[in-house]
């Protein structure tokens, strides 16, 4: 009978460059860890993968404002969060608005 070796998922550390929240995952699938960032008003944004819990993330979050935003229109002025990485690449998390409808019967 042969020995069976169970492979353990890779341990990954994540950190937010905006609020310094850290997290650890141990998953086998490809993923990006998200969190509601207190520094950016609770918007759900990605963490940046780091080598350990103490490592400073090599990147930053940049709020992308809506170009058609008119102050006090009731809509949020932030359209997306762009994560700029130290190697020059970036990721964008789009904050799609929720459609609203008002029904009135006559």
PDB file of N, CA and C in Angstrom:
ATOM      1  N   UNK A   1       0.842  -1.185   0.000  1.00  0.00           N
ATOM      2  CA  UNK A   1       0.000   0.000   0.000  1.00  0.00           C
ATOM      3  C   UNK A   1       0.882   1.242   0.000  1.00  0.00           C
ATOM      4  N   UNK A   2       0.541   2.227  -0.824  1.00  0.00           N
ATOM      5  CA  UNK A   2       1.359   3.444  -0.918  1.00  0.00           C
ATOM      6  C   UNK A   2       0.901   4.477   0.102  1.00  0.00           C
ATOM      7  N   UNK A   3       1.837   5.354   0.467  1.00  0.00           N
ATOM      8  CA  UNK A   3       1.513   6.437   1.395  1.00  0.00           C
ATOM      9  C   UNK A   3       0.768   7.540   0.657  1.00  0.00           C
ATOM     10  N   UNK A   4      -0.227   8.093   1.302  1.00  0.00           N
ATOM     11  CA  UNK A   4      -1.005   9.188   0.719  1.00  0.00           C
ATOM     12  C   UNK A   4      -0.535  10.492   1.352  1.00  0.00           C
ATOM     13  N   UNK A   5      -0.218  11.467   0.519  1.00  0.00           N
ATOM     14  CA  UNK A   5       0.228  12.765   1.004  1.00  0.00           C
ATOM     15  C   UNK A   5      -0.850  13.792   0.672  1.00  0.00           C
ATOM     16  N   UNK A   6      -1.370  14.421   1.692  1.00  0.00           N
ATOM     17  CA  UNK A   6      -2.367  15.466   1.480  1.00  0.00           C
ATOM     18  C   UNK A   6      -1.659  16.803   1.341  1.00  0.00           C
ATOM     19  N   UNK A   7      -1.962  17.505   0.290  1.00  0.00           N
ATOM     20  CA  UNK A   7      -1.353  18.814   0.065  1.00  0.00           C
ATOM     21  C   UNK A   7      -2.142  19.885   0.810  1.00  0.00           C
ATOM     22  N   UNK A   8      -1.424  20.746   1.491  1.00  0.00           N
ATOM     23  CA  UNK A   8      -2.051  21.842   2.212  1.00  0.00           C
ATOM     24  C   UNK A   8      -2.119  23.076   1.309  1.00  0.00           C
ATOM     25  N   UNK A   9      -3.259  23.787   1.313  1.00  0.00           N
ATOM     26  CA  UNK A   9      -3.323  25.025   0.524  1.00  0.00           C
ATOM     27  C   UNK A   9      -2.264  26.025   1.002  1.00  0.00           C
ATOM     28  N   UNK A  10      -1.829  26.856   0.097  1.00  0.00           N
ATOM     29  CA  UNK A  10      -0.795  27.849   0.393  1.00  0.00           C
ATOM     30  C   UNK A  10      -1.333  28.888   1.376  1.00  0.00           C
ATOM     31  N   UNK A  11      -0.521  29.246   2.355  1.00  0.00           N
ATOM     32  CA  UNK A  11      -0.872  30.305   3.302  1.00  0.00           C
ATOM     33  C   UNK A  11      -0.483  31.642   2.685  1.00  0.00           C
ATOM     34  N   UNK A  12      -1.443  32.559   2.604  1.00  0.00           N
ATOM     35  CA  UNK A  12      -1.181  33.881   2.028  1.00  0.00           C
ATOM     36  C   UNK A  12      -1.542  34.969   3.028  1.00  0.00           C
ATOM     37  N   UNK A  13      -0.693  35.992   3.062  1.00  0.00           N
ATOM     38  CA  UNK A  13      -0.939  37.153   3.914  1.00  0.00           C
ATOM     39  C   UNK A  13      -1.387  38.320   3.046  1.00  0.00           C
ATOM     40  N   UNK A  14      -2.322  39.108   3.577  1.00  0.00           N
ATOM     41  CA  UNK A  14      -2.888  40.251   2.868  1.00  0.00           C
ATOM     42  C   UNK A  14      -2.886  41.455   3.799  1.00  0.00           C
ATOM     43  N   UNK A  15      -2.708  42.643   3.203  1.00  0.00           N
ATOM     44  CA  UNK A  15      -2.723  43.880   4.006  1.00  0.00           C
ATOM     45  C   UNK A  15      -3.305  45.016   3.193  1.00  0.00           C
ATOM     46  N   UNK A  16      -4.027  45.900   3.864  1.00  0.00           N
ATOM     47  CA  UNK A  16      -4.612  47.064   3.212  1.00  0.00           C
ATOM     48  C   UNK A  16      -3.656  48.246   3.326  1.00  0.00           C
ATOM     49  N   UNK A  17      -3.285  48.875   2.202  1.00  0.00           N
ATOM     50  CA  UNK A  17      -2.389  50.034   2.281  1.00  0.00           C
ATOM     51  C   UNK A  17      -3.100  51.285   2.795  1.00  0.00           C
ATOM     52  N   UNK A  18      -4.418  51.270   2.850  1.00  0.00           N
ATOM     53  CA  UNK A  18      -5.169  52.441   3.299  1.00  0.00           C
ATOM     54  C   UNK A  18      -5.440  52.441   4.800  1.00  0.00           C
ATOM     55  N   UNK A  19      -5.753  51.259   5.369  1.00  0.00           N
ATOM     56  CA  UNK A  19      -6.098  51.220   6.800  1.00  0.00           C
ATOM     57  C   UNK A  19      -5.259  50.224   7.600  1.00  0.00           C
ATOM     58  N   UNK A  20      -4.335  49.505   6.955  1.00  0.00           N
ATOM     59  CA  UNK A  20      -3.417  48.549   7.585  1.00  0.00           C
ATOM     60  C   UNK A  20      -4.076  47.319   8.198  1.00  0.00           C
ATOM     61  N   UNK A  21      -5.296  46.983   7.792  1.00  0.00           N
ATOM     62  CA  UNK A  21      -5.922  45.729   8.203  1.00  0.00           C
ATOM     63  C   UNK A  21      -5.124  44.585   7.589  1.00  0.00           C
ATOM     64  N   UNK A  22      -4.902  43.527   8.346  1.00  0.00           N
ATOM     65  CA  UNK A  22      -4.214  42.349   7.814  1.00  0.00           C
ATOM     66  C   UNK A  22      -5.152  41.147   7.872  1.00  0.00           C
ATOM     67  N   UNK A  23      -4.913  40.182   6.992  1.00  0.00           N
ATOM     68  CA  UNK A  23      -5.713  38.964   6.954  1.00  0.00           C
ATOM     69  C   UNK A  23      -4.835  37.838   6.433  1.00  0.00           C
ATOM     70  N   UNK A  24      -5.186  36.623   6.790  1.00  0.00           N
ATOM     71  CA  UNK A  24      -4.468  35.451   6.316  1.00  0.00           C
ATOM     72  C   UNK A  24      -5.484  34.485   5.724  1.00  0.00           C
ATOM     73  N   UNK A  25      -5.177  33.957   4.544  1.00  0.00           N
ATOM     74  CA  UNK A  25      -6.042  32.949   3.935  1.00  0.00           C
ATOM     75  C   UNK A  25      -5.223  31.694   3.669  1.00  0.00           C
ATOM     76  N   UNK A  26      -5.932  30.593   3.558  1.00  0.00           N
ATOM     77  CA  UNK A  26      -5.297  29.322   3.230  1.00  0.00           C
ATOM     78  C   UNK A  26      -6.278  28.583   2.319  1.00  0.00           C
ATOM     79  N   UNK A  27      -6.290  29.021   1.057  1.00  0.00           N
ATOM     80  CA  UNK A  27      -7.225  28.486   0.069  1.00  0.00           C
ATOM     81  C   UNK A  27      -6.455  27.963  -1.130  1.00  0.00           C
ATOM     82  N   UNK A  28      -7.037  26.983  -1.800  1.00  0.00           N
ATOM     83  CA  UNK A  28      -6.380  26.383  -2.958  1.00  0.00           C
ATOM     84  C   UNK A  28      -6.710  27.118  -4.253  1.00  0.00           C
ATOM     85  N   UNK A  29      -7.800  27.885  -4.268  1.00  0.00           N
ATOM     86  CA  UNK A  29      -8.206  28.567  -5.500  1.00  0.00           C
ATOM     87  C   UNK A  29      -7.540  29.938  -5.631  1.00  0.00           C
ATOM     88  N   UNK A  30      -7.525  30.446  -6.852  1.00  0.00           N
ATOM     89  CA  UNK A  30      -7.007  31.802  -7.086  1.00  0.00           C
ATOM     90  C   UNK A  30      -8.058  32.794  -6.592  1.00  0.00           C
ATOM     91  N   UNK A  31      -7.642  33.774  -5.816  1.00  0.00           N
ATOM     92  CA  UNK A  31      -8.596  34.744  -5.274  1.00  0.00           C
ATOM     93  C   UNK A  31      -7.883  36.015  -4.840  1.00  0.00           C
ATOM     94  N   UNK A  32      -8.671  37.038  -4.606  1.00  0.00           N
ATOM     95  CA  UNK A  32      -8.192  38.279  -4.014  1.00  0.00           C
ATOM     96  C   UNK A  32      -9.032  38.524  -2.776  1.00  0.00           C
ATOM     97  N   UNK A  33      -8.400  38.761  -1.665  1.00  0.00           N
ATOM     98  CA  UNK A  33      -9.106  38.983  -0.409  1.00  0.00           C
ATOM     99  C   UNK A  33      -9.643  40.417  -0.372  1.00  0.00           C
ATOM    100  N   UNK A  34     -10.911  40.570  -0.013  1.00  0.00           N
ATOM    101  CA  UNK A  34     -11.552  41.883   0.049  1.00  0.00           C
ATOM    102  C   UNK A  34     -11.891  42.203   1.508  1.00  0.00           C
ATOM    103  N   UNK A  35     -12.121  43.510   1.784  1.00  0.00           N
ATOM    104  CA  UNK A  35     -12.577  43.915   3.114  1.00  0.00           C
ATOM    105  C   UNK A  35     -13.251  45.280   3.034  1.00  0.00           C
ATOM    106  N   UNK A  36     -14.175  45.576   3.960  1.00  0.00           N
ATOM    107  CA  UNK A  36     -14.775  46.909   4.012  1.00  0.00           C
ATOM    108  C   UNK A  36     -13.798  47.865   4.690  1.00  0.00           C
ATOM    109  N   UNK A  37     -13.199  48.764   3.929  1.00  0.00           N
ATOM    110  CA  UNK A  37     -12.125  49.621   4.432  1.00  0.00           C
ATOM    111  C   UNK A  37     -12.673  50.825   5.199  1.00  0.00           C
ATOM    112  N   UNK A  38     -12.299  50.916   6.455  1.00  0.00           N
ATOM    113  CA  UNK A  38     -12.742  52.033   7.299  1.00  0.00           C
ATOM    114  C   UNK A  38     -12.161  53.357   6.817  1.00  0.00           C
ATOM    115  N   UNK A  39     -10.958  53.335   6.266  1.00  0.00           N
ATOM    116  CA  UNK A  39     -10.309  54.566   5.800  1.00  0.00           C
ATOM    117  C   UNK A  39     -10.982  55.136   4.551  1.00  0.00           C
ATOM    118  N   UNK A  40     -11.701  54.285   3.810  1.00  0.00           N
ATOM    119  CA  UNK A  40     -12.371  54.736   2.588  1.00  0.00           C
ATOM    120  C   UNK A  40     -13.889  54.661   2.723  1.00  0.00           C
ATOM    121  N   UNK A  41     -14.383  54.845   3.935  1.00  0.00           N
ATOM    122  CA  UNK A  41     -15.821  54.935   4.160  1.00  0.00           C
ATOM    123  C   UNK A  41     -16.564  53.614   4.112  1.00  0.00           C
ATOM    124  N   UNK A  42     -15.887  52.492   4.340  1.00  0.00           N
ATOM    125  CA  UNK A  42     -16.551  51.197   4.365  1.00  0.00           C
ATOM    126  C   UNK A  42     -16.734  50.546   3.008  1.00  0.00           C
ATOM    127  N   UNK A  43     -16.113  51.114   1.965  1.00  0.00           N
ATOM    128  CA  UNK A  43     -16.198  50.523   0.631  1.00  0.00           C
ATOM    129  C   UNK A  43     -15.454  49.198   0.631  1.00  0.00           C
ATOM    130  N   UNK A  44     -16.053  48.170   0.021  1.00  0.00           N
ATOM    131  CA  UNK A  44     -15.442  46.852  -0.040  1.00  0.00           C
ATOM    132  C   UNK A  44     -14.343  46.854  -1.109  1.00  0.00           C
ATOM    133  N   UNK A  45     -13.076  46.796  -0.674  1.00  0.00           N
ATOM    134  CA  UNK A  45     -11.937  46.906  -1.588  1.00  0.00           C
ATOM    135  C   UNK A  45     -10.950  45.771  -1.367  1.00  0.00           C
ATOM    136  N   UNK A  46     -10.063  45.529  -2.340  1.00  0.00           N
ATOM    137  CA  UNK A  46      -9.114  44.423  -2.203  1.00  0.00           C
ATOM    138  C   UNK A  46      -7.934  44.749  -1.294  1.00  0.00           C
ATOM    139  N   UNK A  47      -7.465  43.709  -0.630  1.00  0.00           N
ATOM    140  CA  UNK A  47      -6.215  43.789   0.106  1.00  0.00           C
ATOM    141  C   UNK A  47      -5.090  43.440  -0.852  1.00  0.00           C
ATOM    142  N   UNK A  48      -3.877  43.800  -0.521  1.00  0.00           N
ATOM    143  CA  UNK A  48      -2.711  43.492  -1.351  1.00  0.00           C
ATOM    144  C   UNK A  48      -1.942  42.360  -0.685  1.00  0.00           C
ATOM    145  N   UNK A  49      -1.564  41.360  -1.477  1.00  0.00           N
ATOM    146  CA  UNK A  49      -0.827  40.217  -0.940  1.00  0.00           C
ATOM    147  C   UNK A  49       0.572  40.661  -0.511  1.00  0.00           C
ATOM    148  N   UNK A  50       0.992  40.203   0.683  1.00  0.00           N
ATOM    149  CA  UNK A  50       2.314  40.527   1.230  1.00  0.00           C
ATOM    150  C   UNK A  50       3.020  39.235   1.634  1.00  0.00           C
ATOM    151  N   UNK A  51       4.288  39.341   2.001  1.00  0.00           N
ATOM    152  CA  UNK A  51       5.069  38.168   2.400  1.00  0.00           C
ATOM    153  C   UNK A  51       4.721  37.690   3.809  1.00  0.00           C
ATOM    154  N   UNK A  52       4.354  38.632   4.694  1.00  0.00           N
ATOM    155  CA  UNK A  52       4.015  38.284   6.077  1.00  0.00           C
ATOM    156  C   UNK A  52       3.044  39.330   6.615  1.00  0.00           C
ATOM    157  N   UNK A  53       2.603  39.139   7.851  1.00  0.00           N
ATOM    158  CA  UNK A  53       1.651  40.092   8.447  1.00  0.00           C
ATOM    159  C   UNK A  53       2.298  41.446   8.727  1.00  0.00           C
ATOM    160  N   UNK A  54       3.626  41.482   8.838  1.00  0.00           N
ATOM    161  CA  UNK A  54       4.337  42.719   9.157  1.00  0.00           C
ATOM    162  C   UNK A  54       4.845  43.472   7.929  1.00  0.00           C
ATOM    163  N   UNK A  55       4.729  42.870   6.754  1.00  0.00           N
ATOM    164  CA  UNK A  55       5.252  43.477   5.534  1.00  0.00           C
ATOM    165  C   UNK A  55       4.342  44.603   5.060  1.00  0.00           C
ATOM    166  N   UNK A  56       4.942  45.723   4.681  1.00  0.00           N
ATOM    167  CA  UNK A  56       4.187  46.842   4.126  1.00  0.00           C
ATOM    168  C   UNK A  56       3.798  46.514   2.692  1.00  0.00           C
ATOM    169  N   UNK A  57       2.510  46.701   2.331  1.00  0.00           N
ATOM    170  CA  UNK A  57       2.103  46.380   0.958  1.00  0.00           C
ATOM    171  C   UNK A  57       2.747  47.319  -0.054  1.00  0.00           C
ATOM    172  N   UNK A  58       3.147  46.764  -1.191  1.00  0.00           N
ATOM    173  CA  UNK A  58       3.768  47.548  -2.258  1.00  0.00           C
ATOM    174  C   UNK A  58       2.670  48.019  -3.213  1.00  0.00           C
ATOM    175  N   UNK A  59       1.912  49.012  -2.781  1.00  0.00           N
ATOM    176  CA  UNK A  59       0.825  49.531  -3.602  1.00  0.00           C
ATOM    177  C   UNK A  59      -0.001  50.534  -2.830  1.00  0.00           C
ATOM    178  N   UNK A  60      -0.994  51.087  -3.520  1.00  0.00           N
ATOM    179  CA  UNK A  60      -1.879  52.061  -2.878  1.00  0.00           C
ATOM    180  C   UNK A  60      -3.246  52.023  -3.538  1.00  0.00           C
ATOM    181  N   UNK A  61      -4.264  52.456  -2.783  1.00  0.00           N
ATOM    182  CA  UNK A  61      -5.609  52.567  -3.322  1.00  0.00           C
ATOM    183  C   UNK A  61      -5.848  54.011  -3.777  1.00  0.00           C
ATOM    184  N   UNK A  62      -6.498  54.158  -4.932  1.00  0.00           N
ATOM    185  CA  UNK A  62      -6.823  55.481  -5.464  1.00  0.00           C
ATOM    186  C   UNK A  62      -8.316  55.498  -5.774  1.00  0.00           C
ATOM    187  N   UNK A  63      -9.045  56.439  -5.190  1.00  0.00           N
ATOM    188  CA  UNK A  63     -10.476  56.569  -5.465  1.00  0.00           C
ATOM    189  C   UNK A  63     -10.652  57.233  -6.833  1.00  0.00           C
ATOM    190  N   UNK A  64     -11.480  56.630  -7.676  1.00  0.00           N
ATOM    191  CA  UNK A  64     -11.771  57.167  -9.007  1.00  0.00           C
ATOM    192  C   UNK A  64     -13.171  57.769  -8.951  1.00  0.00           C
ATOM    193  N   UNK A  65     -13.264  59.081  -9.153  1.00  0.00           N
ATOM    194  CA  UNK A  65     -14.556  59.757  -9.062  1.00  0.00           C
ATOM    195  C   UNK A  65     -15.320  59.685 -10.373  1.00  0.00           C
ATOM    196  N   UNK A  66     -16.642  59.708 -10.264  1.00  0.00           N
ATOM    197  CA  UNK A  66     -17.493  59.730 -11.444  1.00  0.00           C
ATOM    198  C   UNK A  66     -17.317  61.052 -12.169  1.00  0.00           C
ATOM    199  N   UNK A  67     -17.174  61.002 -13.480  1.00  0.00           N
ATOM    200  CA  UNK A  67     -16.969  62.216 -14.266  1.00  0.00           C
ATOM    201  C   UNK A  67     -18.244  63.043 -14.388  1.00  0.00           C
ATOM    202  N   UNK A  68     -19.411  62.382 -14.340  1.00  0.00           N
ATOM    203  CA  UNK A  68     -20.666  63.115 -14.512  1.00  0.00           C
ATOM    204  C   UNK A  68     -21.287  63.512 -13.175  1.00  0.00           C
ATOM    205  N   UNK A  69     -20.562  63.319 -12.079  1.00  0.00           N
ATOM    206  CA  UNK A  69     -21.116  63.608 -10.751  1.00  0.00           C
ATOM    207  C   UNK A  69     -21.434  65.086 -10.596  1.00  0.00           C
ATOM    208  N   UNK A  70     -22.631  65.354 -10.148  1.00  0.00           N
ATOM    209  CA  UNK A  70     -23.049  66.716  -9.817  1.00  0.00           C
ATOM    210  C   UNK A  70     -23.343  66.703  -8.327  1.00  0.00           C
ATOM    211  N   UNK A  71     -22.698  67.580  -7.581  1.00  0.00           N
ATOM    212  CA  UNK A  71     -22.814  67.591  -6.133  1.00  0.00           C
ATOM    213  C   UNK A  71     -24.237  67.477  -5.634  1.00  0.00           C
ATOM    214  N   UNK A  72     -24.430  66.702  -4.595  1.00  0.00           N
ATOM    215  CA  UNK A  72     -25.695  66.508  -3.916  1.00  0.00           C
ATOM    216  C   UNK A  72     -26.780  65.918  -4.820  1.00  0.00           C
ATOM    217  N   UNK A  73     -26.397  65.117  -5.800  1.00  0.00           N
ATOM    218  CA  UNK A  73     -27.382  64.498  -6.694  1.00  0.00           C
ATOM    219  C   UNK A  73     -27.994  63.253  -6.081  1.00  0.00           C
ATOM    220  N   UNK A  74     -27.527  62.850  -4.918  1.00  0.00           N
ATOM    221  CA  UNK A  74     -28.021  61.644  -4.281  1.00  0.00           C
ATOM    222  C   UNK A  74     -27.216  60.422  -4.654  1.00  0.00           C
ATOM    223  N   UNK A  75     -26.361  60.549  -5.646  1.00  0.00           N
ATOM    224  CA  UNK A  75     -25.521  59.427  -6.079  1.00  0.00           C
ATOM    225  C   UNK A  75     -24.144  59.549  -5.439  1.00  0.00           C
ATOM    226  N   UNK A  76     -23.494  58.409  -5.265  1.00  0.00           N
ATOM    227  CA  UNK A  76     -22.140  58.399  -4.715  1.00  0.00           C
ATOM    228  C   UNK A  76     -21.168  58.900  -5.776  1.00  0.00           C
ATOM    229  N   UNK A  77     -20.220  59.744  -5.392  1.00  0.00           N
ATOM    230  CA  UNK A  77     -19.298  60.297  -6.387  1.00  0.00           C
ATOM    231  C   UNK A  77     -18.135  59.360  -6.712  1.00  0.00           C
ATOM    232  N   UNK A  78     -17.930  58.308  -5.896  1.00  0.00           N
ATOM    233  CA  UNK A  78     -16.843  57.359  -6.156  1.00  0.00           C
ATOM    234  C   UNK A  78     -17.355  56.263  -7.096  1.00  0.00           C
ATOM    235  N   UNK A  79     -16.710  56.110  -8.248  1.00  0.00           N
ATOM    236  CA  UNK A  79     -17.126  55.116  -9.246  1.00  0.00           C
ATOM    237  C   UNK A  79     -16.336  53.820  -9.114  1.00  0.00           C
ATOM    238  N   UNK A  80     -15.086  53.909  -8.644  1.00  0.00           N
ATOM    239  CA  UNK A  80     -14.228  52.727  -8.572  1.00  0.00           C
ATOM    240  C   UNK A  80     -13.070  53.002  -7.627  1.00  0.00           C
ATOM    241  N   UNK A  81     -12.426  51.925  -7.229  1.00  0.00           N
ATOM    242  CA  UNK A  81     -11.174  52.006  -6.470  1.00  0.00           C
ATOM    243  C   UNK A  81     -10.114  51.328  -7.326  1.00  0.00           C
ATOM    244  N   UNK A  82      -9.073  52.075  -7.667  1.00  0.00           N
ATOM    245  CA  UNK A  82      -7.960  51.531  -8.441  1.00  0.00           C
ATOM    246  C   UNK A  82      -6.840  51.184  -7.459  1.00  0.00           C
ATOM    247  N   UNK A  83      -6.329  49.967  -7.556  1.00  0.00           N
ATOM    248  CA  UNK A  83      -5.206  49.542  -6.730  1.00  0.00           C
ATOM    249  C   UNK A  83      -3.961  49.575  -7.597  1.00  0.00           C
ATOM    250  N   UNK A  84      -3.087  50.544  -7.337  1.00  0.00           N
ATOM    251  CA  UNK A  84      -1.825  50.672  -8.073  1.00  0.00           C
ATOM    252  C   UNK A  84      -0.750  49.871  -7.347  1.00  0.00           C
ATOM    253  N   UNK A  85      -0.131  48.933  -8.057  1.00  0.00           N
ATOM    254  CA  UNK A  85       0.916  48.088  -7.479  1.00  0.00           C
ATOM    255  C   UNK A  85       2.294  48.677  -7.792  1.00  0.00           C
ATOM    256  N   UNK A  86       3.266  48.330  -6.990  1.00  0.00           N
ATOM    257  CA  UNK A  86       4.624  48.850  -7.133  1.00  0.00           C
ATOM    258  C   UNK A  86       5.295  48.476  -8.442  1.00  0.00           C
ATOM    259  N   UNK A  87       4.855  47.395  -9.080  1.00  0.00           N
ATOM    260  CA  UNK A  87       5.463  46.981 -10.347  1.00  0.00           C
ATOM    261  C   UNK A  87       4.860  47.696 -11.560  1.00  0.00           C
ATOM    262  N   UNK A  88       3.948  48.647 -11.308  1.00  0.00           N
ATOM    263  CA  UNK A  88       3.334  49.410 -12.398  1.00  0.00           C
ATOM    264  C   UNK A  88       1.992  48.875 -12.849  1.00  0.00           C
ATOM    265  N   UNK A  89       1.613  47.688 -12.401  1.00  0.00           N
ATOM    266  CA  UNK A  89       0.305  47.141 -12.769  1.00  0.00           C
ATOM    267  C   UNK A  89      -0.775  47.728 -11.865  1.00  0.00           C
ATOM    268  N   UNK A  90      -2.034  47.553 -12.258  1.00  0.00           N
ATOM    269  CA  UNK A  90      -3.124  48.006 -11.414  1.00  0.00           C
ATOM    270  C   UNK A  90      -4.342  47.108 -11.584  1.00  0.00           C
ATOM    271  N   UNK A  91      -5.197  47.149 -10.587  1.00  0.00           N
ATOM    272  CA  UNK A  91      -6.471  46.445 -10.595  1.00  0.00           C
ATOM    273  C   UNK A  91      -7.540  47.488 -10.311  1.00  0.00           C
ATOM    274  N   UNK A  92      -8.746  47.273 -10.834  1.00  0.00           N
ATOM    275  CA  UNK A  92      -9.829  48.216 -10.592  1.00  0.00           C
ATOM    276  C   UNK A  92     -11.032  47.467 -10.040  1.00  0.00           C
ATOM    277  N   UNK A  93     -11.569  47.969  -8.929  1.00  0.00           N
ATOM    278  CA  UNK A  93     -12.794  47.447  -8.354  1.00  0.00           C
ATOM    279  C   UNK A  93     -13.886  48.463  -8.650  1.00  0.00           C
ATOM    280  N   UNK A  94     -14.815  48.100  -9.535  1.00  0.00           N
ATOM    281  CA  UNK A  94     -15.879  49.014  -9.952  1.00  0.00           C
ATOM    282  C   UNK A  94     -17.024  48.929  -8.958  1.00  0.00           C
ATOM    283  N   UNK A  95     -17.522  50.079  -8.543  1.00  0.00           N
ATOM    284  CA  UNK A  95     -18.631  50.144  -7.597  1.00  0.00           C
ATOM    285  C   UNK A  95     -19.903  50.456  -8.383  1.00  0.00           C
ATOM    286  N   UNK A  96     -20.500  49.427  -8.931  1.00  0.00           N
ATOM    287  CA  UNK A  96     -21.695  49.609  -9.754  1.00  0.00           C
ATOM    288  C   UNK A  96     -22.862  50.067  -8.882  1.00  0.00           C
ATOM    289  N   UNK A  97     -23.541  51.134  -9.289  1.00  0.00           N
ATOM    290  CA  UNK A  97     -24.679  51.609  -8.487  1.00  0.00           C
ATOM    291  C   UNK A  97     -25.855  50.634  -8.590  1.00  0.00           C
ATOM    292  N   UNK A  98     -26.668  50.649  -7.569  1.00  0.00           N
ATOM    293  CA  UNK A  98     -27.869  49.829  -7.560  1.00  0.00           C
ATOM    294  C   UNK A  98     -29.006  50.607  -8.207  1.00  0.00           C
ATOM    295  N   UNK A  99     -29.699  49.974  -9.142  1.00  0.00           N
ATOM    296  CA  UNK A  99     -30.818  50.626  -9.807  1.00  0.00           C
ATOM    297  C   UNK A  99     -31.947  50.838  -8.810  1.00  0.00           C
ATOM    298  N   UNK A 100     -32.599  51.970  -8.913  1.00  0.00           N
ATOM    299  CA  UNK A 100     -33.722  52.293  -8.024  1.00  0.00           C
ATOM    300  C   UNK A 100     -34.935  52.622  -8.865  1.00  0.00           C
ATOM    301  N   UNK A 101     -36.095  52.225  -8.368  1.00  0.00           N
ATOM    302  CA  UNK A 101     -37.319  52.494  -9.104  1.00  0.00           C
ATOM    303  C   UNK A 101     -38.410  52.844  -8.082  1.00  0.00           C
ATOM    304  N   UNK A 102     -39.225  53.789  -8.444  1.00  0.00           N
ATOM    305  CA  UNK A 102     -40.345  54.187  -7.574  1.00  0.00           C
ATOM    306  C   UNK A 102     -41.627  53.803  -8.295  1.00  0.00           C
ATOM    307  N   UNK A 103     -42.453  53.015  -7.628  1.00  0.00           N
ATOM    308  CA  UNK A 103     -43.725  52.602  -8.192  1.00  0.00           C
ATOM    309  C   UNK A 103     -44.852  53.398  -7.557  1.00  0.00           C
ATOM    310  N   UNK A 104     -45.710  53.922  -8.394  1.00  0.00           N
ATOM    311  CA  UNK A 104     -46.860  54.700  -7.916  1.00  0.00           C
ATOM    312  C   UNK A 104     -48.096  54.173  -8.625  1.00  0.00           C
ATOM    313  N   UNK A 105     -49.146  53.940  -7.855  1.00  0.00           N
ATOM    314  CA  UNK A 105     -50.417  53.540  -8.489  1.00  0.00           C
ATOM    315  C   UNK A 105     -51.380  54.717  -8.453  1.00  0.00           C
ATOM    316  N   UNK A 106     -52.186  54.860  -9.505  1.00  0.00           N
ATOM    317  CA  UNK A 106     -53.137  55.964  -9.591  1.00  0.00           C
ATOM    318  C   UNK A 106     -54.551  55.473  -9.527  1.00  0.00           C
TER     319      UNK A 106
END
